[in-house]
Amino acid sequence: DKSVHFGNQVSHSHRRSNRIWNSNIKR
């Protein structure tokens, strides 16, 4: 049941925006 993971992308100035980590899933 592994799927996408959510978190924050943190820039050098420490501003944060949402980002997604996609799992390596094959058909």
mmCIF file of all heavy atoms, coordinates in Angstrom:
data_MODEL
# 
_entry.id   MODEL 
# 
loop_
_atom_site.group_PDB 
_atom_site.id 
_atom_site.type_symbol 
_atom_site.label_atom_id 
_atom_site.label_alt_id 
_atom_site.label_comp_id 
_atom_site.label_asym_id 
_atom_site.label_entity_id 
_atom_site.label_seq_id 
_atom_site.pdbx_PDB_ins_code 
_atom_site.Cartn_x 
_atom_site.Cartn_y 
_atom_site.Cartn_z 
_atom_site.occupancy 
_atom_site.B_iso_or_equiv 
_atom_site.pdbx_formal_charge 
_atom_site.auth_seq_id 
_atom_site.auth_comp_id 
_atom_site.auth_asym_id 
_atom_site.auth_atom_id 
_atom_site.pdbx_PDB_model_num 
ATOM 1   N N   . ASP A 1 1  ? 0.811  -1.241 0.000   1.00 0.00 ? 1  ASP A N   1 
ATOM 2   C CA  . ASP A 1 1  ? 0.000  0.000  0.000   1.00 0.00 ? 1  ASP A CA  1 
ATOM 3   C C   . ASP A 1 1  ? 0.831  1.273  0.000   1.00 0.00 ? 1  ASP A C   1 
ATOM 4   O O   . ASP A 1 1  ? 0.383  2.315  0.477   1.00 0.00 ? 1  ASP A O   1 
ATOM 5   C CB  . ASP A 1 1  ? -0.974 0.022  1.180   1.00 0.00 ? 1  ASP A CB  1 
ATOM 6   C CG  . ASP A 1 1  ? -2.076 -1.012 1.041   1.00 0.00 ? 1  ASP A CG  1 
ATOM 7   O OD1 . ASP A 1 1  ? -2.389 -1.362 -0.111  1.00 0.00 ? 1  ASP A OD1 1 
ATOM 8   O OD2 . ASP A 1 1  ? -2.604 -1.465 2.072   1.00 0.00 ? 1  ASP A OD2 1 
ATOM 9   N N   . LYS A 1 2  ? 2.044  1.210  -0.519  1.00 0.00 ? 2  LYS A N   1 
ATOM 10  C CA  . LYS A 1 2  ? 2.873  2.408  -0.613  1.00 0.00 ? 2  LYS A CA  1 
ATOM 11  C C   . LYS A 1 2  ? 2.345  3.300  -1.723  1.00 0.00 ? 2  LYS A C   1 
ATOM 12  O O   . LYS A 1 2  ? 1.987  2.832  -2.801  1.00 0.00 ? 2  LYS A O   1 
ATOM 13  C CB  . LYS A 1 2  ? 4.322  2.010  -0.911  1.00 0.00 ? 2  LYS A CB  1 
ATOM 14  C CG  . LYS A 1 2  ? 5.308  3.163  -0.803  1.00 0.00 ? 2  LYS A CG  1 
ATOM 15  C CD  . LYS A 1 2  ? 6.689  2.739  -1.245  1.00 0.00 ? 2  LYS A CD  1 
ATOM 16  C CE  . LYS A 1 2  ? 7.337  1.875  -0.195  1.00 0.00 ? 2  LYS A CE  1 
ATOM 17  N NZ  . LYS A 1 2  ? 8.742  1.592  -0.531  1.00 0.00 ? 2  LYS A NZ  1 
ATOM 18  N N   . SER A 1 3  ? 2.252  4.607  -1.459  1.00 0.00 ? 3  SER A N   1 
ATOM 19  C CA  . SER A 1 3  ? 1.776  5.563  -2.464  1.00 0.00 ? 3  SER A CA  1 
ATOM 20  C C   . SER A 1 3  ? 2.525  6.875  -2.268  1.00 0.00 ? 3  SER A C   1 
ATOM 21  O O   . SER A 1 3  ? 3.655  6.869  -1.790  1.00 0.00 ? 3  SER A O   1 
ATOM 22  C CB  . SER A 1 3  ? 0.264  5.746  -2.348  1.00 0.00 ? 3  SER A CB  1 
ATOM 23  O OG  . SER A 1 3  ? -0.077 6.226  -1.072  1.00 0.00 ? 3  SER A OG  1 
ATOM 24  N N   . VAL A 1 4  ? 1.916  7.995  -2.613  1.00 0.00 ? 4  VAL A N   1 
ATOM 25  C CA  . VAL A 1 4  ? 2.589  9.284  -2.535  1.00 0.00 ? 4  VAL A CA  1 
ATOM 26  C C   . VAL A 1 4  ? 2.775  9.718  -1.079  1.00 0.00 ? 4  VAL A C   1 
ATOM 27  O O   . VAL A 1 4  ? 2.022  9.320  -0.185  1.00 0.00 ? 4  VAL A O   1 
ATOM 28  C CB  . VAL A 1 4  ? 1.823  10.378 -3.304  1.00 0.00 ? 4  VAL A CB  1 
ATOM 29  C CG1 . VAL A 1 4  ? 1.774  10.055 -4.767  1.00 0.00 ? 4  VAL A CG1 1 
ATOM 30  C CG2 . VAL A 1 4  ? 0.448  10.580 -2.751  1.00 0.00 ? 4  VAL A CG2 1 
ATOM 31  N N   . HIS A 1 5  ? 3.802  10.557 -0.849  1.00 0.00 ? 5  HIS A N   1 
ATOM 32  C CA  . HIS A 1 5  ? 4.059  11.140 0.463   1.00 0.00 ? 5  HIS A CA  1 
ATOM 33  C C   . HIS A 1 5  ? 4.050  12.648 0.306   1.00 0.00 ? 5  HIS A C   1 
ATOM 34  O O   . HIS A 1 5  ? 4.497  13.181 -0.710  1.00 0.00 ? 5  HIS A O   1 
ATOM 35  C CB  . HIS A 1 5  ? 5.423  10.693 0.996   1.00 0.00 ? 5  HIS A CB  1 
ATOM 36  C CG  . HIS A 1 5  ? 5.538  9.221  1.167   1.00 0.00 ? 5  HIS A CG  1 
ATOM 37  N ND1 . HIS A 1 5  ? 5.091  8.565  2.282   1.00 0.00 ? 5  HIS A ND1 1 
ATOM 38  C CD2 . HIS A 1 5  ? 6.032  8.265  0.359   1.00 0.00 ? 5  HIS A CD2 1 
ATOM 39  C CE1 . HIS A 1 5  ? 5.314  7.284  2.161   1.00 0.00 ? 5  HIS A CE1 1 
ATOM 40  N NE2 . HIS A 1 5  ? 5.878  7.060  0.983   1.00 0.00 ? 5  HIS A NE2 1 
ATOM 41  N N   . PHE A 1 6  ? 3.534  13.335 1.314   1.00 0.00 ? 6  PHE A N   1 
ATOM 42  C CA  . PHE A 1 6  ? 3.421  14.787 1.262   1.00 0.00 ? 6  PHE A CA  1 
ATOM 43  C C   . PHE A 1 6  ? 4.349  15.416 2.287   1.00 0.00 ? 6  PHE A C   1 
ATOM 44  O O   . PHE A 1 6  ? 4.624  14.827 3.332   1.00 0.00 ? 6  PHE A O   1 
ATOM 45  C CB  . PHE A 1 6  ? 1.983  15.230 1.559   1.00 0.00 ? 6  PHE A CB  1 
ATOM 46  C CG  . PHE A 1 6  ? 0.996  14.686 0.585   1.00 0.00 ? 6  PHE A CG  1 
ATOM 47  C CD1 . PHE A 1 6  ? 0.260  13.558 0.871   1.00 0.00 ? 6  PHE A CD1 1 
ATOM 48  C CD2 . PHE A 1 6  ? 0.805  15.315 -0.631  1.00 0.00 ? 6  PHE A CD2 1 
ATOM 49  C CE1 . PHE A 1 6  ? -0.651 13.053 -0.021  1.00 0.00 ? 6  PHE A CE1 1 
ATOM 50  C CE2 . PHE A 1 6  ? -0.107 14.819 -1.539  1.00 0.00 ? 6  PHE A CE2 1 
ATOM 51  C CZ  . PHE A 1 6  ? -0.839 13.683 -1.235  1.00 0.00 ? 6  PHE A CZ  1 
ATOM 52  N N   . GLY A 1 7  ? 4.818  16.616 1.974   1.00 0.00 ? 7  GLY A N   1 
ATOM 53  C CA  . GLY A 1 7  ? 5.684  17.331 2.899   1.00 0.00 ? 7  GLY A CA  1 
ATOM 54  C C   . GLY A 1 7  ? 5.886  18.753 2.433   1.00 0.00 ? 7  GLY A C   1 
ATOM 55  O O   . GLY A 1 7  ? 5.128  19.274 1.620   1.00 0.00 ? 7  GLY A O   1 
ATOM 56  N N   . ASN A 1 8  ? 6.925  19.388 2.956   1.00 0.00 ? 8  ASN A N   1 
ATOM 57  C CA  . ASN A 1 8  ? 7.242  20.767 2.614   1.00 0.00 ? 8  ASN A CA  1 
ATOM 58  C C   . ASN A 1 8  ? 8.572  20.845 1.901   1.00 0.00 ? 8  ASN A C   1 
ATOM 59  O O   . ASN A 1 8  ? 9.528  20.189 2.287   1.00 0.00 ? 8  ASN A O   1 
ATOM 60  C CB  . ASN A 1 8  ? 7.310  21.639 3.872   1.00 0.00 ? 8  ASN A CB  1 
ATOM 61  C CG  . ASN A 1 8  ? 5.961  21.869 4.481   1.00 0.00 ? 8  ASN A CG  1 
ATOM 62  O OD1 . ASN A 1 8  ? 4.983  22.046 3.775   1.00 0.00 ? 8  ASN A OD1 1 
ATOM 63  N ND2 . ASN A 1 8  ? 5.893  21.844 5.797   1.00 0.00 ? 8  ASN A ND2 1 
ATOM 64  N N   . GLN A 1 9  ? 8.608  21.696 0.857   1.00 0.00 ? 9  GLN A N   1 
ATOM 65  C CA  . GLN A 1 9  ? 9.860  22.037 0.207   1.00 0.00 ? 9  GLN A CA  1 
ATOM 66  C C   . GLN A 1 9  ? 10.351 23.304 0.882   1.00 0.00 ? 9  GLN A C   1 
ATOM 67  O O   . GLN A 1 9  ? 9.635  24.309 0.921   1.00 0.00 ? 9  GLN A O   1 
ATOM 68  C CB  . GLN A 1 9  ? 9.635  22.253 -1.283  1.00 0.00 ? 9  GLN A CB  1 
ATOM 69  C CG  . GLN A 1 9  ? 10.887 22.547 -2.054  1.00 0.00 ? 9  GLN A CG  1 
ATOM 70  C CD  . GLN A 1 9  ? 10.610 22.580 -3.541  1.00 0.00 ? 9  GLN A CD  1 
ATOM 71  O OE1 . GLN A 1 9  ? 9.492  22.348 -3.969  1.00 0.00 ? 9  GLN A OE1 1 
ATOM 72  N NE2 . GLN A 1 9  ? 11.620 22.876 -4.316  1.00 0.00 ? 9  GLN A NE2 1 
ATOM 73  N N   . VAL A 1 10 ? 11.542 23.272 1.454   1.00 0.00 ? 10 VAL A N   1 
ATOM 74  C CA  . VAL A 1 10 ? 12.069 24.396 2.220   1.00 0.00 ? 10 VAL A CA  1 
ATOM 75  C C   . VAL A 1 10 ? 13.198 25.029 1.421   1.00 0.00 ? 10 VAL A C   1 
ATOM 76  O O   . VAL A 1 10 ? 14.198 24.377 1.110   1.00 0.00 ? 10 VAL A O   1 
ATOM 77  C CB  . VAL A 1 10 ? 12.566 23.937 3.605   1.00 0.00 ? 10 VAL A CB  1 
ATOM 78  C CG1 . VAL A 1 10 ? 13.057 25.121 4.412   1.00 0.00 ? 10 VAL A CG1 1 
ATOM 79  C CG2 . VAL A 1 10 ? 11.469 23.207 4.353   1.00 0.00 ? 10 VAL A CG2 1 
ATOM 80  N N   . SER A 1 11 ? 13.051 26.313 1.096   1.00 0.00 ? 11 SER A N   1 
ATOM 81  C CA  . SER A 1 11 ? 14.071 27.010 0.313   1.00 0.00 ? 11 SER A CA  1 
ATOM 82  C C   . SER A 1 11 ? 15.226 27.458 1.215   1.00 0.00 ? 11 SER A C   1 
ATOM 83  O O   . SER A 1 11 ? 15.205 27.271 2.430   1.00 0.00 ? 11 SER A O   1 
ATOM 84  C CB  . SER A 1 11 ? 13.451 28.230 -0.376  1.00 0.00 ? 11 SER A CB  1 
ATOM 85  O OG  . SER A 1 11 ? 13.129 29.206 0.597   1.00 0.00 ? 11 SER A OG  1 
ATOM 86  N N   . HIS A 1 12 ? 16.227 28.056 0.606   1.00 0.00 ? 12 HIS A N   1 
ATOM 87  C CA  . HIS A 1 12 ? 17.385 28.538 1.360   1.00 0.00 ? 12 HIS A CA  1 
ATOM 88  C C   . HIS A 1 12 ? 16.980 29.618 2.364   1.00 0.00 ? 12 HIS A C   1 
ATOM 89  O O   . HIS A 1 12 ? 17.534 29.683 3.463   1.00 0.00 ? 12 HIS A O   1 
ATOM 90  C CB  . HIS A 1 12 ? 18.435 29.083 0.390   1.00 0.00 ? 12 HIS A CB  1 
ATOM 91  C CG  . HIS A 1 12 ? 19.663 29.587 1.056   1.00 0.00 ? 12 HIS A CG  1 
ATOM 92  N ND1 . HIS A 1 12 ? 20.560 28.766 1.700   1.00 0.00 ? 12 HIS A ND1 1 
ATOM 93  C CD2 . HIS A 1 12 ? 20.138 30.845 1.201   1.00 0.00 ? 12 HIS A CD2 1 
ATOM 94  C CE1 . HIS A 1 12 ? 21.539 29.503 2.206   1.00 0.00 ? 12 HIS A CE1 1 
ATOM 95  N NE2 . HIS A 1 12 ? 21.313 30.772 1.910   1.00 0.00 ? 12 HIS A NE2 1 
ATOM 96  N N   . SER A 1 13 ? 15.999 30.442 1.987   1.00 0.00 ? 13 SER A N   1 
ATOM 97  C CA  . SER A 1 13 ? 15.523 31.481 2.907   1.00 0.00 ? 13 SER A CA  1 
ATOM 98  C C   . SER A 1 13 ? 14.453 30.949 3.861   1.00 0.00 ? 13 SER A C   1 
ATOM 99  O O   . SER A 1 13 ? 13.827 31.708 4.576   1.00 0.00 ? 13 SER A O   1 
ATOM 100 C CB  . SER A 1 13 ? 14.959 32.660 2.115   1.00 0.00 ? 13 SER A CB  1 
ATOM 101 O OG  . SER A 1 13 ? 13.867 32.235 1.336   1.00 0.00 ? 13 SER A OG  1 
ATOM 102 N N   . HIS A 1 14 ? 14.245 29.652 3.870   1.00 0.00 ? 14 HIS A N   1 
ATOM 103 C CA  . HIS A 1 14 ? 13.352 28.938 4.769   1.00 0.00 ? 14 HIS A CA  1 
ATOM 104 C C   . HIS A 1 14 ? 11.876 29.206 4.496   1.00 0.00 ? 14 HIS A C   1 
ATOM 105 O O   . HIS A 1 14 ? 11.039 29.029 5.376   1.00 0.00 ? 14 HIS A O   1 
ATOM 106 C CB  . HIS A 1 14 ? 13.700 29.227 6.241   1.00 0.00 ? 14 HIS A CB  1 
ATOM 107 C CG  . HIS A 1 14 ? 13.538 28.032 7.119   1.00 0.00 ? 14 HIS A CG  1 
ATOM 108 N ND1 . HIS A 1 14 ? 14.354 26.921 7.015   1.00 0.00 ? 14 HIS A ND1 1 
ATOM 109 C CD2 . HIS A 1 14 ? 12.636 27.745 8.086   1.00 0.00 ? 14 HIS A CD2 1 
ATOM 110 C CE1 . HIS A 1 14 ? 13.973 26.027 7.909   1.00 0.00 ? 14 HIS A CE1 1 
ATOM 111 N NE2 . HIS A 1 14 ? 12.927 26.498 8.560   1.00 0.00 ? 14 HIS A NE2 1 
ATOM 112 N N   . ARG A 1 15 ? 11.550 29.634 3.267   1.00 0.00 ? 15 ARG A N   1 
ATOM 113 C CA  . ARG A 1 15 ? 10.141 29.724 2.872   1.00 0.00 ? 15 ARG A CA  1 
ATOM 114 C C   . ARG A 1 15 ? 9.678  28.322 2.502   1.00 0.00 ? 15 ARG A C   1 
ATOM 115 O O   . ARG A 1 15 ? 10.427 27.556 1.908   1.00 0.00 ? 15 ARG A O   1 
ATOM 116 C CB  . ARG A 1 15 ? 9.968  30.677 1.697   1.00 0.00 ? 15 ARG A CB  1 
ATOM 117 C CG  . ARG A 1 15 ? 10.230 32.116 2.101   1.00 0.00 ? 15 ARG A CG  1 
ATOM 118 C CD  . ARG A 1 15 ? 10.105 33.023 0.901   1.00 0.00 ? 15 ARG A CD  1 
ATOM 119 N NE  . ARG A 1 15 ? 8.728  33.076 0.403   1.00 0.00 ? 15 ARG A NE  1 
ATOM 120 C CZ  . ARG A 1 15 ? 7.823  33.973 0.788   1.00 0.00 ? 15 ARG A CZ  1 
ATOM 121 N NH1 . ARG A 1 15 ? 8.144  34.885 1.682   1.00 0.00 ? 15 ARG A NH1 1 
ATOM 122 N NH2 . ARG A 1 15 ? 6.616  33.969 0.275   1.00 0.00 ? 15 ARG A NH2 1 
ATOM 123 N N   . ARG A 1 16 ? 8.434  27.996 2.844   1.00 0.00 ? 16 ARG A N   1 
ATOM 124 C CA  . ARG A 1 16 ? 7.950  26.636 2.654   1.00 0.00 ? 16 ARG A CA  1 
ATOM 125 C C   . ARG A 1 16 ? 6.813  26.579 1.655   1.00 0.00 ? 16 ARG A C   1 
ATOM 126 O O   . ARG A 1 16 ? 5.952  27.444 1.642   1.00 0.00 ? 16 ARG A O   1 
ATOM 127 C CB  . ARG A 1 16 ? 7.468  26.065 3.987   1.00 0.00 ? 16 ARG A CB  1 
ATOM 128 C CG  . ARG A 1 16 ? 8.595  25.879 4.941   1.00 0.00 ? 16 ARG A CG  1 
ATOM 129 C CD  . ARG A 1 16 ? 8.147  25.450 6.273   1.00 0.00 ? 16 ARG A CD  1 
ATOM 130 N NE  . ARG A 1 16 ? 9.311  25.301 7.144   1.00 0.00 ? 16 ARG A NE  1 
ATOM 131 C CZ  . ARG A 1 16 ? 9.246  25.191 8.438   1.00 0.00 ? 16 ARG A CZ  1 
ATOM 132 N NH1 . ARG A 1 16 ? 8.081  25.229 9.037   1.00 0.00 ? 16 ARG A NH1 1 
ATOM 133 N NH2 . ARG A 1 16 ? 10.332 25.055 9.144   1.00 0.00 ? 16 ARG A NH2 1 
ATOM 134 N N   . SER A 1 17 ? 6.846  25.548 0.834   1.00 0.00 ? 17 SER A N   1 
ATOM 135 C CA  . SER A 1 17 ? 5.747  25.271 -0.089  1.00 0.00 ? 17 SER A CA  1 
ATOM 136 C C   . SER A 1 17 ? 5.513  23.764 -0.104  1.00 0.00 ? 17 SER A C   1 
ATOM 137 O O   . SER A 1 17 ? 6.390  22.983 0.226   1.00 0.00 ? 17 SER A O   1 
ATOM 138 C CB  . SER A 1 17 ? 6.052  25.792 -1.493  1.00 0.00 ? 17 SER A CB  1 
ATOM 139 O OG  . SER A 1 17 ? 7.216  25.177 -1.985  1.00 0.00 ? 17 SER A OG  1 
ATOM 140 N N   . ASN A 1 18 ? 4.305  23.389 -0.489  1.00 0.00 ? 18 ASN A N   1 
ATOM 141 C CA  . ASN A 1 18 ? 3.959  21.976 -0.484  1.00 0.00 ? 18 ASN A CA  1 
ATOM 142 C C   . ASN A 1 18 ? 4.671  21.238 -1.612  1.00 0.00 ? 18 ASN A C   1 
ATOM 143 O O   . ASN A 1 18 ? 4.903  21.796 -2.675  1.00 0.00 ? 18 ASN A O   1 
ATOM 144 C CB  . ASN A 1 18 ? 2.456  21.798 -0.665  1.00 0.00 ? 18 ASN A CB  1 
ATOM 145 C CG  . ASN A 1 18 ? 1.681  22.420 0.464   1.00 0.00 ? 18 ASN A CG  1 
ATOM 146 O OD1 . ASN A 1 18 ? 2.161  22.478 1.583   1.00 0.00 ? 18 ASN A OD1 1 
ATOM 147 N ND2 . ASN A 1 18 ? 0.483  22.889 0.173   1.00 0.00 ? 18 ASN A ND2 1 
ATOM 148 N N   . ARG A 1 19 ? 4.997  19.971 -1.368  1.00 0.00 ? 19 ARG A N   1 
ATOM 149 C CA  . ARG A 1 19 ? 5.550  19.139 -2.424  1.00 0.00 ? 19 ARG A CA  1 
ATOM 150 C C   . ARG A 1 19 ? 5.133  17.701 -2.212  1.00 0.00 ? 19 ARG A C   1 
ATOM 151 O O   . ARG A 1 19 ? 4.666  17.321 -1.147  1.00 0.00 ? 19 ARG A O   1 
ATOM 152 C CB  . ARG A 1 19 ? 7.051  19.271 -2.541  1.00 0.00 ? 19 ARG A CB  1 
ATOM 153 C CG  . ARG A 1 19 ? 7.868  18.565 -1.513  1.00 0.00 ? 19 ARG A CG  1 
ATOM 154 C CD  . ARG A 1 19 ? 9.277  18.334 -1.982  1.00 0.00 ? 19 ARG A CD  1 
ATOM 155 N NE  . ARG A 1 19 ? 9.343  17.209 -2.923  1.00 0.00 ? 19 ARG A NE  1 
ATOM 156 C CZ  . ARG A 1 19 ? 10.460 16.673 -3.345  1.00 0.00 ? 19 ARG A CZ  1 
ATOM 157 N NH1 . ARG A 1 19 ? 11.606 17.137 -2.949  1.00 0.00 ? 19 ARG A NH1 1 
ATOM 158 N NH2 . ARG A 1 19 ? 10.442 15.669 -4.180  1.00 0.00 ? 19 ARG A NH2 1 
ATOM 159 N N   . ILE A 1 20 ? 5.300  16.893 -3.261  1.00 0.00 ? 20 ILE A N   1 
ATOM 160 C CA  . ILE A 1 20 ? 4.899  15.493 -3.258  1.00 0.00 ? 20 ILE A CA  1 
ATOM 161 C C   . ILE A 1 20 ? 6.112  14.636 -3.601  1.00 0.00 ? 20 ILE A C   1 
ATOM 162 O O   . ILE A 1 20 ? 6.883  14.978 -4.499  1.00 0.00 ? 20 ILE A O   1 
ATOM 163 C CB  . ILE A 1 20 ? 3.781  15.244 -4.295  1.00 0.00 ? 20 ILE A CB  1 
ATOM 164 C CG1 . ILE A 1 20 ? 2.510  15.983 -3.892  1.00 0.00 ? 20 ILE A CG1 1 
ATOM 165 C CG2 . ILE A 1 20 ? 3.495  13.766 -4.469  1.00 0.00 ? 20 ILE A CG2 1 
ATOM 166 C CD1 . ILE A 1 20 ? 1.403  15.877 -4.903  1.00 0.00 ? 20 ILE A CD1 1 
ATOM 167 N N   . TRP A 1 21 ? 6.274  13.535 -2.878  1.00 0.00 ? 21 TRP A N   1 
ATOM 168 C CA  . TRP A 1 21 ? 7.263  12.521 -3.225  1.00 0.00 ? 21 TRP A CA  1 
ATOM 169 C C   . TRP A 1 21 ? 6.508  11.335 -3.783  1.00 0.00 ? 21 TRP A C   1 
ATOM 170 O O   . TRP A 1 21 ? 5.713  10.699 -3.074  1.00 0.00 ? 21 TRP A O   1 
ATOM 171 C CB  . TRP A 1 21 ? 8.063  12.061 -1.997  1.00 0.00 ? 21 TRP A CB  1 
ATOM 172 C CG  . TRP A 1 21 ? 9.123  12.998 -1.583  1.00 0.00 ? 21 TRP A CG  1 
ATOM 173 C CD1 . TRP A 1 21 ? 10.420 13.002 -1.986  1.00 0.00 ? 21 TRP A CD1 1 
ATOM 174 C CD2 . TRP A 1 21 ? 9.004  14.079 -0.659  1.00 0.00 ? 21 TRP A CD2 1 
ATOM 175 N NE1 . TRP A 1 21 ? 11.109 14.012 -1.385  1.00 0.00 ? 21 TRP A NE1 1 
ATOM 176 C CE2 . TRP A 1 21 ? 10.247 14.702 -0.554  1.00 0.00 ? 21 TRP A CE2 1 
ATOM 177 C CE3 . TRP A 1 21 ? 7.939  14.596 0.082   1.00 0.00 ? 21 TRP A CE3 1 
ATOM 178 C CZ2 . TRP A 1 21 ? 10.480 15.781 0.261   1.00 0.00 ? 21 TRP A CZ2 1 
ATOM 179 C CZ3 . TRP A 1 21 ? 8.172  15.677 0.895   1.00 0.00 ? 21 TRP A CZ3 1 
ATOM 180 C CH2 . TRP A 1 21 ? 9.426  16.260 0.980   1.00 0.00 ? 21 TRP A CH2 1 
ATOM 181 N N   . ASN A 1 22 ? 6.740  11.021 -5.062  1.00 0.00 ? 22 ASN A N   1 
ATOM 182 C CA  . ASN A 1 22 ? 6.094  9.868  -5.685  1.00 0.00 ? 22 ASN A CA  1 
ATOM 183 C C   . ASN A 1 22 ? 6.921  8.618  -5.425  1.00 0.00 ? 22 ASN A C   1 
ATOM 184 O O   . ASN A 1 22 ? 8.145  8.640  -5.555  1.00 0.00 ? 22 ASN A O   1 
ATOM 185 C CB  . ASN A 1 22 ? 5.951  10.072 -7.195  1.00 0.00 ? 22 ASN A CB  1 
ATOM 186 C CG  . ASN A 1 22 ? 4.920  11.107 -7.530  1.00 0.00 ? 22 ASN A CG  1 
ATOM 187 O OD1 . ASN A 1 22 ? 3.879  11.173 -6.886  1.00 0.00 ? 22 ASN A OD1 1 
ATOM 188 N ND2 . ASN A 1 22 ? 5.193  11.931 -8.523  1.00 0.00 ? 22 ASN A ND2 1 
ATOM 189 N N   . SER A 1 23 ? 6.264  7.537  -5.043  1.00 0.00 ? 23 SER A N   1 
ATOM 190 C CA  . SER A 1 23 ? 6.944  6.270  -4.860  1.00 0.00 ? 23 SER A CA  1 
ATOM 191 C C   . SER A 1 23 ? 7.270  5.670  -6.223  1.00 0.00 ? 23 SER A C   1 
ATOM 192 O O   . SER A 1 23 ? 6.598  5.947  -7.212  1.00 0.00 ? 23 SER A O   1 
ATOM 193 C CB  . SER A 1 23 ? 6.069  5.303  -4.075  1.00 0.00 ? 23 SER A CB  1 
ATOM 194 O OG  . SER A 1 23 ? 5.769  5.837  -2.822  1.00 0.00 ? 23 SER A OG  1 
ATOM 195 N N   . ASN A 1 24 ? 8.300  4.820  -6.251  1.00 0.00 ? 24 ASN A N   1 
ATOM 196 C CA  . ASN A 1 24 ? 8.726  4.193  -7.503  1.00 0.00 ? 24 ASN A CA  1 
ATOM 197 C C   . ASN A 1 24 ? 7.844  2.977  -7.750  1.00 0.00 ? 24 ASN A C   1 
ATOM 198 O O   . ASN A 1 24 ? 8.149  1.863  -7.343  1.00 0.00 ? 24 ASN A O   1 
ATOM 199 C CB  . ASN A 1 24 ? 10.200 3.805  -7.401  1.00 0.00 ? 24 ASN A CB  1 
ATOM 200 C CG  . ASN A 1 24 ? 10.795 3.518  -8.749  1.00 0.00 ? 24 ASN A CG  1 
ATOM 201 O OD1 . ASN A 1 24 ? 10.119 3.598  -9.760  1.00 0.00 ? 24 ASN A OD1 1 
ATOM 202 N ND2 . ASN A 1 24 ? 12.063 3.162  -8.759  1.00 0.00 ? 24 ASN A ND2 1 
ATOM 203 N N   . ILE A 1 25 ? 6.716  3.202  -8.424  1.00 0.00 ? 25 ILE A N   1 
ATOM 204 C CA  . ILE A 1 25 ? 5.703  2.167  -8.630  1.00 0.00 ? 25 ILE A CA  1 
ATOM 205 C C   . ILE A 1 25 ? 5.627  1.831  -10.115 1.00 0.00 ? 25 ILE A C   1 
ATOM 206 O O   . ILE A 1 25 ? 5.552  2.718  -10.958 1.00 0.00 ? 25 ILE A O   1 
ATOM 207 C CB  . ILE A 1 25 ? 4.340  2.630  -8.086  1.00 0.00 ? 25 ILE A CB  1 
ATOM 208 C CG1 . ILE A 1 25 ? 4.445  2.764  -6.580  1.00 0.00 ? 25 ILE A CG1 1 
ATOM 209 C CG2 . ILE A 1 25 ? 3.240  1.674  -8.474  1.00 0.00 ? 25 ILE A CG2 1 
ATOM 210 C CD1 . ILE A 1 25 ? 3.202  3.230  -5.903  1.00 0.00 ? 25 ILE A CD1 1 
ATOM 211 N N   . LYS A 1 26 ? 5.658  0.531  -10.416 1.00 0.00 ? 26 LYS A N   1 
ATOM 212 C CA  . LYS A 1 26 ? 5.658  0.046  -11.785 1.00 0.00 ? 26 LYS A CA  1 
ATOM 213 C C   . LYS A 1 26 ? 4.393  -0.757 -12.066 1.00 0.00 ? 26 LYS A C   1 
ATOM 214 O O   . LYS A 1 26 ? 3.833  -1.378 -11.177 1.00 0.00 ? 26 LYS A O   1 
ATOM 215 C CB  . LYS A 1 26 ? 6.873  -0.860 -12.049 1.00 0.00 ? 26 LYS A CB  1 
ATOM 216 C CG  . LYS A 1 26 ? 8.206  -0.209 -11.771 1.00 0.00 ? 26 LYS A CG  1 
ATOM 217 C CD  . LYS A 1 26 ? 8.444  0.902  -12.735 1.00 0.00 ? 26 LYS A CD  1 
ATOM 218 C CE  . LYS A 1 26 ? 9.786  1.556  -12.477 1.00 0.00 ? 26 LYS A CE  1 
ATOM 219 N NZ  . LYS A 1 26 ? 9.944  2.789  -13.224 1.00 0.00 ? 26 LYS A NZ  1 
ATOM 220 N N   . ARG A 1 27 ? 3.979  -0.757 -13.321 1.00 0.00 ? 27 ARG A N   1 
ATOM 221 C CA  . ARG A 1 27 ? 2.846  -1.572 -13.771 1.00 0.00 ? 27 ARG A CA  1 
ATOM 222 C C   . ARG A 1 27 ? 3.419  -2.901 -14.229 1.00 0.00 ? 27 ARG A C   1 
ATOM 223 O O   . ARG A 1 27 ? 4.229  -2.957 -15.154 1.00 0.00 ? 27 ARG A O   1 
ATOM 224 C CB  . ARG A 1 27 ? 2.147  -0.851 -14.913 1.00 0.00 ? 27 ARG A CB  1 
ATOM 225 C CG  . ARG A 1 27 ? 0.823  -1.427 -15.278 1.00 0.00 ? 27 ARG A CG  1 
ATOM 226 C CD  . ARG A 1 27 ? 0.087  -0.424 -16.167 1.00 0.00 ? 27 ARG A CD  1 
ATOM 227 N NE  . ARG A 1 27 ? -1.157 -1.012 -16.629 1.00 0.00 ? 27 ARG A NE  1 
ATOM 228 C CZ  . ARG A 1 27 ? -1.410 -1.279 -17.894 1.00 0.00 ? 27 ARG A CZ  1 
ATOM 229 N NH1 . ARG A 1 27 ? -0.526 -0.993 -18.831 1.00 0.00 ? 27 ARG A NH1 1 
ATOM 230 N NH2 . ARG A 1 27 ? -2.551 -1.819 -18.233 1.00 0.00 ? 27 ARG A NH2 1 
# 
